[in-house]
Amino acid sequence: MLVSILVNCFNGGEFLERALNSICNQSYRNIEIIFVDNNSTDNSSHIIKNYNFDGIPVKYVKNEKTVPLYNSRNIGLKQCSGELIAFHDVDDYWSPIKLDRQVSVFLTNPEISILCSNFYICDRDLSVIKKFKKKFVNHYKGIEKLSEIYDVGLLTLLIKKEVFNCVGNFNSNFTIIGDYEFILRSSVLFNVYFLNEFLAYYSIHGNNISTLKREMHKDEINLMLSQISTGKSMIPGKYIGPLKDNLYRMIAVDAIRSSNTAKFYDSLRKINNLKIALKLKLLIYYMYSNFKKFC
């Protein structure tokens, strides 16, 4: 099975060679790379054009102007020839056996359409900070579970191309939560299978946790809430309530991070799930208690 690996890059020269090494060191060799340069102004194009891909086919696409991230991903999707599609951003890193393990699962379980795994959360040098492990693993999860708890890492996904053909591509309006919206939309028709293995490394650094992106995150969640409330979503009605609770939970967590107490309580009042509300109250109580200890 041919795997198309979609790489999006905007001024990612600092991490790009490491990312390309991660891809080219995969033990599974039936791959192609779709590299979309989102109009970078650093040395990214120089690195990609001078890298030794050791015979791996590469399609290089340069956007004439910088576009929202998931618009750029859609541009790359049009170039994918593989039966399976994976996503590797320039600051991600994969275990050398990631694709090998995942493709073998597809081959032995042809009913699977979307597959993801556990991953490590790391600093910019790939030193592990913590493990991102699914609570329920080696099983299927559909919209009824994902609308309540979303725990899918884009960098771990391997998706059959037919899923995109069936439900459409990413929402091009999004820069932060496009994969979240897409997987929820897809899980209405396709179950997501969780593999209990750590196969990828997600790097946290200054460029991906900026205040600007947190503001964009809140704006995009509100846009998704608006689409759901006005019926502009594929999500069936019976899952709208749990999904809204989860989206308001995200807004509340962002409010805590930005010390916006009023926004936190405004979001909390809109959450109907008592378990989620209680966890948020305990979280803000814990943070406030620890803050007072240092005052």
C-alpha atoms as a PDB file:
ATOM      1  CA  MET A   1       0.000   0.000   0.000  1.00  0.00           C
ATOM      2  CA  LEU A   2       1.431   3.344  -1.049  1.00  0.00           C
ATOM      3  CA  VAL A   3       1.533   5.892   1.779  1.00  0.00           C
ATOM      4  CA  SER A   4       1.455   9.588   0.894  1.00  0.00           C
ATOM      5  CA  ILE A   5       3.155  11.639   3.603  1.00  0.00           C
ATOM      6  CA  LEU A   6       1.920  15.212   3.595  1.00  0.00           C
ATOM      7  CA  VAL A   7       4.393  17.753   4.974  1.00  0.00           C
ATOM      8  CA  ASN A   8       3.334  21.358   5.468  1.00  0.00           C
ATOM      9  CA  CYS A   9       6.016  23.946   6.045  1.00  0.00           C
ATOM     10  CA  PHE A  10       5.977  27.637   6.880  1.00  0.00           C
ATOM     11  CA  ASN A  11       9.392  28.939   7.916  1.00  0.00           C
ATOM     12  CA  GLY A  12      10.250  25.575   9.450  1.00  0.00           C
ATOM     13  CA  GLY A  13      13.906  25.512   8.463  1.00  0.00           C
ATOM     14  CA  GLU A  14      15.050  25.046  12.072  1.00  0.00           C
ATOM     15  CA  PHE A  15      13.419  21.603  12.268  1.00  0.00           C
ATOM     16  CA  LEU A  16      13.086  20.620   8.619  1.00  0.00           C
ATOM     17  CA  GLU A  17      16.125  18.383   8.179  1.00  0.00           C
ATOM     18  CA  ARG A  18      15.223  16.459  11.331  1.00  0.00           C
ATOM     19  CA  ALA A  19      11.708  15.966   9.994  1.00  0.00           C
ATOM     20  CA  LEU A  20      12.971  14.715   6.646  1.00  0.00           C
ATOM     21  CA  ASN A  21      15.314  12.308   8.433  1.00  0.00           C
ATOM     22  CA  SER A  22      12.332  11.039  10.433  1.00  0.00           C
ATOM     23  CA  ILE A  23      10.420  10.299   7.229  1.00  0.00           C
ATOM     24  CA  CYS A  24      13.299   8.852   5.234  1.00  0.00           C
ATOM     25  CA  ASN A  25      14.340   6.560   8.110  1.00  0.00           C
ATOM     26  CA  GLN A  26      10.991   4.756   8.055  1.00  0.00           C
ATOM     27  CA  SER A  27      11.407   0.990   7.742  1.00  0.00           C
ATOM     28  CA  TYR A  28       8.297   0.964   5.531  1.00  0.00           C
ATOM     29  CA  ARG A  29       9.550   2.088   2.127  1.00  0.00           C
ATOM     30  CA  ASN A  30       6.487   2.227  -0.134  1.00  0.00           C
ATOM     31  CA  ILE A  31       6.041   5.957   0.419  1.00  0.00           C
ATOM     32  CA  GLU A  32       5.902   9.299  -1.344  1.00  0.00           C
ATOM     33  CA  ILE A  33       6.391  12.765   0.146  1.00  0.00           C
ATOM     34  CA  ILE A  34       4.081  15.662  -0.655  1.00  0.00           C
ATOM     35  CA  PHE A  35       5.870  18.804   0.510  1.00  0.00           C
ATOM     36  CA  VAL A  36       3.801  22.002   0.605  1.00  0.00           C
ATOM     37  CA  ASP A  37       5.807  25.179   1.188  1.00  0.00           C
ATOM     38  CA  ASN A  38       3.324  27.738   2.497  1.00  0.00           C
ATOM     39  CA  ASN A  39       5.308  30.648   1.047  1.00  0.00           C
ATOM     40  CA  SER A  40       8.194  30.380   3.525  1.00  0.00           C
ATOM     41  CA  THR A  41      10.682  33.229   3.721  1.00  0.00           C
ATOM     42  CA  ASP A  42      13.477  31.321   5.493  1.00  0.00           C
ATOM     43  CA  ASN A  43      15.841  28.645   4.137  1.00  0.00           C
ATOM     44  CA  SER A  44      13.190  25.887   3.946  1.00  0.00           C
ATOM     45  CA  SER A  45      13.151  25.706   0.135  1.00  0.00           C
ATOM     46  CA  HIS A  46      16.959  25.466   0.046  1.00  0.00           C
ATOM     47  CA  ILE A  47      16.925  22.558   2.522  1.00  0.00           C
ATOM     48  CA  ILE A  48      14.225  20.596   0.697  1.00  0.00           C
ATOM     49  CA  LYS A  49      15.833  21.095  -2.720  1.00  0.00           C
ATOM     50  CA  ASN A  50      19.256  19.928  -1.533  1.00  0.00           C
ATOM     51  CA  TYR A  51      18.203  17.020   0.678  1.00  0.00           C
ATOM     52  CA  ASN A  52      19.093  13.451  -0.352  1.00  0.00           C
ATOM     53  CA  PHE A  53      15.805  11.535  -0.390  1.00  0.00           C
ATOM     54  CA  ASP A  54      17.508   8.280  -1.415  1.00  0.00           C
ATOM     55  CA  GLY A  55      15.051   7.566  -4.215  1.00  0.00           C
ATOM     56  CA  ILE A  56      11.853   8.424  -2.354  1.00  0.00           C
ATOM     57  CA  PRO A  57       9.469  10.267  -4.740  1.00  0.00           C
ATOM     58  CA  VAL A  58       8.882  13.888  -3.711  1.00  0.00           C
ATOM     59  CA  LYS A  59       6.271  16.316  -5.004  1.00  0.00           C
ATOM     60  CA  TYR A  60       7.165  19.915  -4.130  1.00  0.00           C
ATOM     61  CA  VAL A  61       4.397  22.527  -4.110  1.00  0.00           C
ATOM     62  CA  LYS A  62       4.969  26.191  -3.253  1.00  0.00           C
ATOM     63  CA  ASN A  63       1.983  28.368  -2.434  1.00  0.00           C
ATOM     64  CA  GLU A  64       2.119  31.782  -4.084  1.00  0.00           C
ATOM     65  CA  LYS A  65       0.921  33.330  -0.835  1.00  0.00           C
ATOM     66  CA  THR A  66       0.608  32.129   2.748  1.00  0.00           C
ATOM     67  CA  VAL A  67      -2.812  30.554   3.342  1.00  0.00           C
ATOM     68  CA  PRO A  68      -4.537  29.099   6.453  1.00  0.00           C
ATOM     69  CA  LEU A  69      -2.866  25.839   7.471  1.00  0.00           C
ATOM     70  CA  TYR A  70      -5.751  23.535   6.595  1.00  0.00           C
ATOM     71  CA  ASN A  71      -6.193  25.248   3.254  1.00  0.00           C
ATOM     72  CA  SER A  72      -2.529  24.407   2.652  1.00  0.00           C
ATOM     73  CA  ARG A  73      -3.135  20.803   3.737  1.00  0.00           C
ATOM     74  CA  ASN A  74      -5.972  20.578   1.204  1.00  0.00           C
ATOM     75  CA  ILE A  75      -3.606  21.789  -1.526  1.00  0.00           C
ATOM     76  CA  GLY A  76      -1.310  18.916  -0.597  1.00  0.00           C
ATOM     77  CA  LEU A  77      -4.137  16.372  -0.494  1.00  0.00           C
ATOM     78  CA  LYS A  78      -4.800  17.015  -4.190  1.00  0.00           C
ATOM     79  CA  GLN A  79      -1.281  15.724  -4.931  1.00  0.00           C
ATOM     80  CA  CYS A  80      -1.550  12.502  -2.901  1.00  0.00           C
ATOM     81  CA  SER A  81      -1.458   9.293  -4.940  1.00  0.00           C
ATOM     82  CA  GLY A  82      -1.370   6.832  -2.047  1.00  0.00           C
ATOM     83  CA  GLU A  83      -4.127   4.602  -0.721  1.00  0.00           C
ATOM     84  CA  LEU A  84      -3.139   5.829   2.748  1.00  0.00           C
ATOM     85  CA  ILE A  85      -2.345   9.385   3.863  1.00  0.00           C
ATOM     86  CA  ALA A  86      -0.198  10.485   6.822  1.00  0.00           C
ATOM     87  CA  PHE A  87       0.694  13.922   8.171  1.00  0.00           C
ATOM     88  CA  HIS A  88       4.163  14.958   9.316  1.00  0.00           C
ATOM     89  CA  ASP A  89       4.667  18.625  10.188  1.00  0.00           C
ATOM     90  CA  VAL A  90       8.207  19.989  10.211  1.00  0.00           C
ATOM     91  CA  ASP A  91       8.506  19.953  14.019  1.00  0.00           C
ATOM     92  CA  ASP A  92       7.150  16.396  14.376  1.00  0.00           C
ATOM     93  CA  TYR A  93       9.183  13.216  14.657  1.00  0.00           C
ATOM     94  CA  TRP A  94       8.230   9.574  14.083  1.00  0.00           C
ATOM     95  CA  SER A  95       9.508   6.291  15.397  1.00  0.00           C
ATOM     96  CA  PRO A  96      11.249   4.449  12.491  1.00  0.00           C
ATOM     97  CA  ILE A  97       8.627   1.691  12.722  1.00  0.00           C
ATOM     98  CA  LYS A  98       5.549   3.960  12.772  1.00  0.00           C
ATOM     99  CA  LEU A  99       4.342   3.328   9.238  1.00  0.00           C
ATOM    100  CA  ASP A 100       5.407  -0.318   9.308  1.00  0.00           C
ATOM    101  CA  ARG A 101       3.270  -0.999  12.366  1.00  0.00           C
ATOM    102  CA  GLN A 102       0.300   0.978  11.112  1.00  0.00           C
ATOM    103  CA  VAL A 103       0.265  -0.429   7.581  1.00  0.00           C
ATOM    104  CA  SER A 104       0.424  -3.957   9.012  1.00  0.00           C
ATOM    105  CA  VAL A 105      -2.719  -3.162  11.036  1.00  0.00           C
ATOM    106  CA  PHE A 106      -4.488  -2.002   7.867  1.00  0.00           C
ATOM    107  CA  LEU A 107      -3.433  -5.122   5.988  1.00  0.00           C
ATOM    108  CA  THR A 108      -4.731  -7.487   8.670  1.00  0.00           C
ATOM    109  CA  ASN A 109      -7.854  -5.427   9.415  1.00  0.00           C
ATOM    110  CA  PRO A 110      -9.265  -4.176   6.082  1.00  0.00           C
ATOM    111  CA  GLU A 111     -12.350  -2.750   7.822  1.00  0.00           C
ATOM    112  CA  ILE A 112     -10.191  -0.038   9.450  1.00  0.00           C
ATOM    113  CA  SER A 113     -10.234   3.358   7.717  1.00  0.00           C
ATOM    114  CA  ILE A 114      -8.664   5.706  10.301  1.00  0.00           C
ATOM    115  CA  LEU A 115      -5.822   4.705  12.613  1.00  0.00           C
ATOM    116  CA  CYS A 116      -3.946   6.599  15.319  1.00  0.00           C
ATOM    117  CA  SER A 117      -1.615   5.826  18.223  1.00  0.00           C
ATOM    118  CA  ASN A 118      -0.140   7.144  21.444  1.00  0.00           C
ATOM    119  CA  PHE A 119       2.632   9.735  21.233  1.00  0.00           C
ATOM    120  CA  TYR A 120       5.187  11.573  23.334  1.00  0.00           C
ATOM    121  CA  ILE A 121       5.020  15.284  24.111  1.00  0.00           C
ATOM    122  CA  CYS A 122       8.555  16.693  23.967  1.00  0.00           C
ATOM    123  CA  ASP A 123      10.553  19.896  24.068  1.00  0.00           C
ATOM    124  CA  ARG A 124      12.161  21.336  20.940  1.00  0.00           C
ATOM    125  CA  ASP A 125      15.081  18.870  21.300  1.00  0.00           C
ATOM    126  CA  LEU A 126      12.742  15.846  21.548  1.00  0.00           C
ATOM    127  CA  SER A 127      13.382  15.307  25.265  1.00  0.00           C
ATOM    128  CA  VAL A 128      10.189  13.668  26.539  1.00  0.00           C
ATOM    129  CA  ILE A 129       8.048  15.834  28.826  1.00  0.00           C
ATOM    130  CA  LYS A 130       5.121  13.453  29.173  1.00  0.00           C
ATOM    131  CA  LYS A 131       3.272  10.632  27.467  1.00  0.00           C
ATOM    132  CA  PHE A 132       0.016  11.221  25.624  1.00  0.00           C
ATOM    133  CA  LYS A 133      -1.692   7.873  26.079  1.00  0.00           C
ATOM    134  CA  LYS A 134      -5.244   7.013  25.161  1.00  0.00           C
ATOM    135  CA  LYS A 135      -7.507   5.883  27.977  1.00  0.00           C
ATOM    136  CA  PHE A 136      -9.081   3.288  25.678  1.00  0.00           C
ATOM    137  CA  VAL A 137      -6.733   1.600  23.247  1.00  0.00           C
ATOM    138  CA  ASN A 138      -6.584  -1.186  20.683  1.00  0.00           C
ATOM    139  CA  HIS A 139     -10.250  -0.703  19.887  1.00  0.00           C
ATOM    140  CA  TYR A 140     -12.630   1.376  17.802  1.00  0.00           C
ATOM    141  CA  LYS A 141     -14.022   4.731  18.823  1.00  0.00           C
ATOM    142  CA  GLY A 142     -16.797   6.532  16.981  1.00  0.00           C
ATOM    143  CA  ILE A 143     -18.494   9.905  17.146  1.00  0.00           C
ATOM    144  CA  GLU A 144     -20.309   9.041  20.414  1.00  0.00           C
ATOM    145  CA  LYS A 145     -16.953   8.850  22.261  1.00  0.00           C
ATOM    146  CA  LEU A 146     -14.954  11.432  20.309  1.00  0.00           C
ATOM    147  CA  SER A 147     -17.622  14.089  20.821  1.00  0.00           C
ATOM    148  CA  GLU A 148     -17.041  13.737  24.580  1.00  0.00           C
ATOM    149  CA  ILE A 149     -13.280  13.173  24.741  1.00  0.00           C
ATOM    150  CA  TYR A 150     -11.068  13.955  21.770  1.00  0.00           C
ATOM    151  CA  ASP A 151      -7.616  12.401  22.078  1.00  0.00           C
ATOM    152  CA  VAL A 152      -6.346  12.021  18.516  1.00  0.00           C
ATOM    153  CA  GLY A 153      -2.913  13.335  17.528  1.00  0.00           C
ATOM    154  CA  LEU A 154      -2.684  14.457  13.888  1.00  0.00           C
ATOM    155  CA  LEU A 155       0.945  13.331  13.678  1.00  0.00           C
ATOM    156  CA  THR A 156      -0.115   9.739  14.518  1.00  0.00           C
ATOM    157  CA  LEU A 157      -2.936   9.475  11.983  1.00  0.00           C
ATOM    158  CA  LEU A 158      -2.953   7.172   8.991  1.00  0.00           C
ATOM    159  CA  ILE A 159      -6.117   7.545   6.931  1.00  0.00           C
ATOM    160  CA  LYS A 160      -7.466   5.771   3.868  1.00  0.00           C
ATOM    161  CA  LYS A 161      -7.838   8.160   0.963  1.00  0.00           C
ATOM    162  CA  GLU A 162     -11.417   6.971   0.507  1.00  0.00           C
ATOM    163  CA  VAL A 163     -12.334   8.757   3.773  1.00  0.00           C
ATOM    164  CA  PHE A 164     -11.483  12.123   2.181  1.00  0.00           C
ATOM    165  CA  ASN A 165     -13.331  11.108  -0.975  1.00  0.00           C
ATOM    166  CA  CYS A 166     -16.405  10.351   1.114  1.00  0.00           C
ATOM    167  CA  VAL A 167     -16.578  13.213   3.666  1.00  0.00           C
ATOM    168  CA  GLY A 168     -14.523  15.886   1.899  1.00  0.00           C
ATOM    169  CA  ASN A 169     -11.248  17.547   2.827  1.00  0.00           C
ATOM    170  CA  PHE A 170     -10.358  19.761   5.789  1.00  0.00           C
ATOM    171  CA  ASN A 171     -12.336  22.916   6.549  1.00  0.00           C
ATOM    172  CA  SER A 172     -10.088  25.502   4.896  1.00  0.00           C
ATOM    173  CA  ASN A 173     -11.145  28.223   7.351  1.00  0.00           C
ATOM    174  CA  PHE A 174      -9.201  26.601  10.176  1.00  0.00           C
ATOM    175  CA  THR A 175      -5.549  26.953  11.172  1.00  0.00           C
ATOM    176  CA  ILE A 176      -5.630  25.258  14.594  1.00  0.00           C
ATOM    177  CA  ILE A 177      -8.555  22.811  14.917  1.00  0.00           C
ATOM    178  CA  GLY A 178      -8.973  21.590  11.337  1.00  0.00           C
ATOM    179  CA  ASP A 179      -8.004  17.990  12.128  1.00  0.00           C
ATOM    180  CA  TYR A 180     -10.353  17.977  15.140  1.00  0.00           C
ATOM    181  CA  GLU A 181     -13.308  19.042  13.000  1.00  0.00           C
ATOM    182  CA  PHE A 182     -12.359  16.620  10.207  1.00  0.00           C
ATOM    183  CA  ILE A 183     -12.000  13.565  12.446  1.00  0.00           C
ATOM    184  CA  LEU A 184     -15.298  14.311  14.210  1.00  0.00           C
ATOM    185  CA  ARG A 185     -16.987  14.672  10.816  1.00  0.00           C
ATOM    186  CA  SER A 186     -15.370  11.465   9.551  1.00  0.00           C
ATOM    187  CA  SER A 187     -16.207   9.476  12.679  1.00  0.00           C
ATOM    188  CA  VAL A 188     -19.907   9.796  11.861  1.00  0.00           C
ATOM    189  CA  LEU A 189     -19.286   7.255   9.084  1.00  0.00           C
ATOM    190  CA  PHE A 190     -15.918   5.700   9.976  1.00  0.00           C
ATOM    191  CA  ASN A 191     -14.714   4.423  13.346  1.00  0.00           C
ATOM    192  CA  VAL A 192     -11.291   5.518  14.550  1.00  0.00           C
ATOM    193  CA  TYR A 193      -8.991   2.706  15.682  1.00  0.00           C
ATOM    194  CA  PHE A 194      -6.543   3.408  18.517  1.00  0.00           C
ATOM    195  CA  LEU A 195      -3.240   1.510  18.556  1.00  0.00           C
ATOM    196  CA  ASN A 196      -1.617   1.130  21.978  1.00  0.00           C
ATOM    197  CA  GLU A 197       1.927   2.010  20.922  1.00  0.00           C
ATOM    198  CA  PHE A 198       4.033   5.176  21.173  1.00  0.00           C
ATOM    199  CA  LEU A 199       4.946   5.918  17.581  1.00  0.00           C
ATOM    200  CA  ALA A 200       5.477   9.679  17.362  1.00  0.00           C
ATOM    201  CA  TYR A 201       6.934  12.730  19.111  1.00  0.00           C
ATOM    202  CA  TYR A 202       5.115  16.074  19.299  1.00  0.00           C
ATOM    203  CA  SER A 203       7.485  18.962  19.909  1.00  0.00           C
ATOM    204  CA  ILE A 204       6.369  21.960  21.984  1.00  0.00           C
ATOM    205  CA  HIS A 205       8.261  25.192  21.336  1.00  0.00           C
ATOM    206  CA  GLY A 206       7.744  28.935  21.147  1.00  0.00           C
ATOM    207  CA  ASN A 207       6.370  28.947  17.619  1.00  0.00           C
ATOM    208  CA  ASN A 208       3.462  26.615  18.311  1.00  0.00           C
ATOM    209  CA  ILE A 209       2.244  27.810  21.717  1.00  0.00           C
ATOM    210  CA  SER A 210       2.165  31.567  21.134  1.00  0.00           C
ATOM    211  CA  THR A 211      -0.505  33.830  22.569  1.00  0.00           C
ATOM    212  CA  LEU A 212      -1.649  34.612  19.020  1.00  0.00           C
ATOM    213  CA  LYS A 213      -2.366  30.949  18.345  1.00  0.00           C
ATOM    214  CA  ARG A 214      -4.292  30.641  21.599  1.00  0.00           C
ATOM    215  CA  GLU A 215      -6.495  33.513  20.449  1.00  0.00           C
ATOM    216  CA  MET A 216      -6.944  31.820  17.059  1.00  0.00           C
ATOM    217  CA  HIS A 217      -7.817  28.586  18.874  1.00  0.00           C
ATOM    218  CA  LYS A 218     -10.647  30.314  20.763  1.00  0.00           C
ATOM    219  CA  ASP A 219     -11.907  32.022  17.603  1.00  0.00           C
ATOM    220  CA  GLU A 220     -11.989  28.740  15.688  1.00  0.00           C
ATOM    221  CA  ILE A 221     -13.798  26.919  18.497  1.00  0.00           C
ATOM    222  CA  ASN A 222     -16.414  29.686  18.481  1.00  0.00           C
ATOM    223  CA  LEU A 223     -16.718  29.346  14.689  1.00  0.00           C
ATOM    224  CA  MET A 224     -17.263  25.600  15.053  1.00  0.00           C
ATOM    225  CA  LEU A 225     -19.866  26.217  17.765  1.00  0.00           C
ATOM    226  CA  SER A 226     -21.632  28.627  15.407  1.00  0.00           C
ATOM    227  CA  GLN A 227     -21.629  26.064  12.585  1.00  0.00           C
ATOM    228  CA  ILE A 228     -23.031  23.405  14.892  1.00  0.00           C
ATOM    229  CA  SER A 229     -25.715  25.696  16.300  1.00  0.00           C
ATOM    230  CA  THR A 230     -26.895  26.760  12.840  1.00  0.00           C
ATOM    231  CA  GLY A 231     -26.992  23.230  11.444  1.00  0.00           C
ATOM    232  CA  LYS A 232     -23.965  23.706   9.167  1.00  0.00           C
ATOM    233  CA  SER A 233     -22.324  20.514  10.390  1.00  0.00           C
ATOM    234  CA  MET A 234     -22.477  16.816   9.547  1.00  0.00           C
ATOM    235  CA  ILE A 235     -22.617  15.929  13.257  1.00  0.00           C
ATOM    236  CA  PRO A 236     -25.913  14.134  14.088  1.00  0.00           C
ATOM    237  CA  GLY A 237     -28.181  16.024  16.507  1.00  0.00           C
ATOM    238  CA  LYS A 238     -27.880  13.557  19.391  1.00  0.00           C
ATOM    239  CA  TYR A 239     -24.122  14.225  19.642  1.00  0.00           C
ATOM    240  CA  ILE A 240     -24.369  18.027  19.531  1.00  0.00           C
ATOM    241  CA  GLY A 241     -24.797  18.374  23.308  1.00  0.00           C
ATOM    242  CA  PRO A 242     -21.667  16.412  24.297  1.00  0.00           C
ATOM    243  CA  LEU A 243     -19.679  18.101  21.533  1.00  0.00           C
ATOM    244  CA  LYS A 244     -20.709  21.572  22.725  1.00  0.00           C
ATOM    245  CA  ASP A 245     -19.703  20.635  26.279  1.00  0.00           C
ATOM    246  CA  ASN A 246     -16.280  19.583  25.021  1.00  0.00           C
ATOM    247  CA  LEU A 247     -15.848  22.786  23.000  1.00  0.00           C
ATOM    248  CA  TYR A 248     -16.836  24.953  25.970  1.00  0.00           C
ATOM    249  CA  ARG A 249     -14.373  22.942  28.065  1.00  0.00           C
ATOM    250  CA  MET A 250     -11.622  23.927  25.601  1.00  0.00           C
ATOM    251  CA  ILE A 251     -12.607  27.589  25.870  1.00  0.00           C
ATOM    252  CA  ALA A 252     -12.582  27.333  29.670  1.00  0.00           C
ATOM    253  CA  VAL A 253      -9.101  25.796  29.685  1.00  0.00           C
ATOM    254  CA  ASP A 254      -7.839  28.552  27.372  1.00  0.00           C
ATOM    255  CA  ALA A 255      -9.370  31.091  29.762  1.00  0.00           C
ATOM    256  CA  ILE A 256      -7.446  29.562  32.662  1.00  0.00           C
ATOM    257  CA  ARG A 257      -4.203  29.757  30.688  1.00  0.00           C
ATOM    258  CA  SER A 258      -4.794  33.423  29.928  1.00  0.00           C
ATOM    259  CA  SER A 259      -6.026  34.206  33.494  1.00  0.00           C
ATOM    260  CA  ASN A 260      -9.415  35.296  32.158  1.00  0.00           C
ATOM    261  CA  THR A 261     -11.632  34.387  35.123  1.00  0.00           C
ATOM    262  CA  ALA A 262     -14.788  35.950  33.674  1.00  0.00           C
ATOM    263  CA  LYS A 263     -14.452  33.951  30.444  1.00  0.00           C
ATOM    264  CA  PHE A 264     -13.805  30.780  32.433  1.00  0.00           C
ATOM    265  CA  TYR A 265     -17.035  31.090  34.444  1.00  0.00           C
ATOM    266  CA  ASP A 266     -18.996  32.140  31.364  1.00  0.00           C
ATOM    267  CA  SER A 267     -17.926  28.922  29.607  1.00  0.00           C
ATOM    268  CA  LEU A 268     -18.479  26.857  32.746  1.00  0.00           C
ATOM    269  CA  ARG A 269     -22.122  27.982  32.954  1.00  0.00           C
ATOM    270  CA  LYS A 270     -22.733  26.672  29.425  1.00  0.00           C
ATOM    271  CA  ILE A 271     -21.498  23.143  30.196  1.00  0.00           C
ATOM    272  CA  ASN A 272     -24.272  20.644  30.955  1.00  0.00           C
ATOM    273  CA  ASN A 273     -22.017  17.667  31.696  1.00  0.00           C
ATOM    274  CA  LEU A 274     -21.585  17.744  35.480  1.00  0.00           C
ATOM    275  CA  LYS A 275     -18.435  15.603  35.369  1.00  0.00           C
ATOM    276  CA  ILE A 276     -16.679  18.026  32.995  1.00  0.00           C
ATOM    277  CA  ALA A 277     -17.844  21.018  35.039  1.00  0.00           C
ATOM    278  CA  LEU A 278     -16.569  19.471  38.274  1.00  0.00           C
ATOM    279  CA  LYS A 279     -13.154  18.720  36.775  1.00  0.00           C
ATOM    280  CA  LEU A 280     -12.840  22.334  35.621  1.00  0.00           C
ATOM    281  CA  LYS A 281     -13.822  23.640  39.060  1.00  0.00           C
ATOM    282  CA  LEU A 282     -11.247  21.396  40.697  1.00  0.00           C
ATOM    283  CA  LEU A 283      -8.635  22.542  38.195  1.00  0.00           C
ATOM    284  CA  ILE A 284      -9.149  26.245  38.855  1.00  0.00           C
ATOM    285  CA  TYR A 285      -9.314  25.611  42.634  1.00  0.00           C
ATOM    286  CA  TYR A 286      -6.025  23.720  42.500  1.00  0.00           C
ATOM    287  CA  MET A 287      -4.342  26.431  40.444  1.00  0.00           C
ATOM    288  CA  TYR A 288      -5.672  29.213  42.706  1.00  0.00           C
ATOM    289  CA  SER A 289      -4.600  27.347  45.872  1.00  0.00           C
ATOM    290  CA  ASN A 290      -1.077  26.839  44.563  1.00  0.00           C
ATOM    291  CA  PHE A 291      -0.908  30.468  43.406  1.00  0.00           C
ATOM    292  CA  LYS A 292      -1.692  31.674  46.953  1.00  0.00           C
ATOM    293  CA  LYS A 293       1.159  29.583  48.365  1.00  0.00           C
ATOM    294  CA  PHE A 294       3.672  31.668  46.415  1.00  0.00           C
ATOM    295  CA  CYS A 295       2.128  35.068  47.258  1.00  0.00           C
END
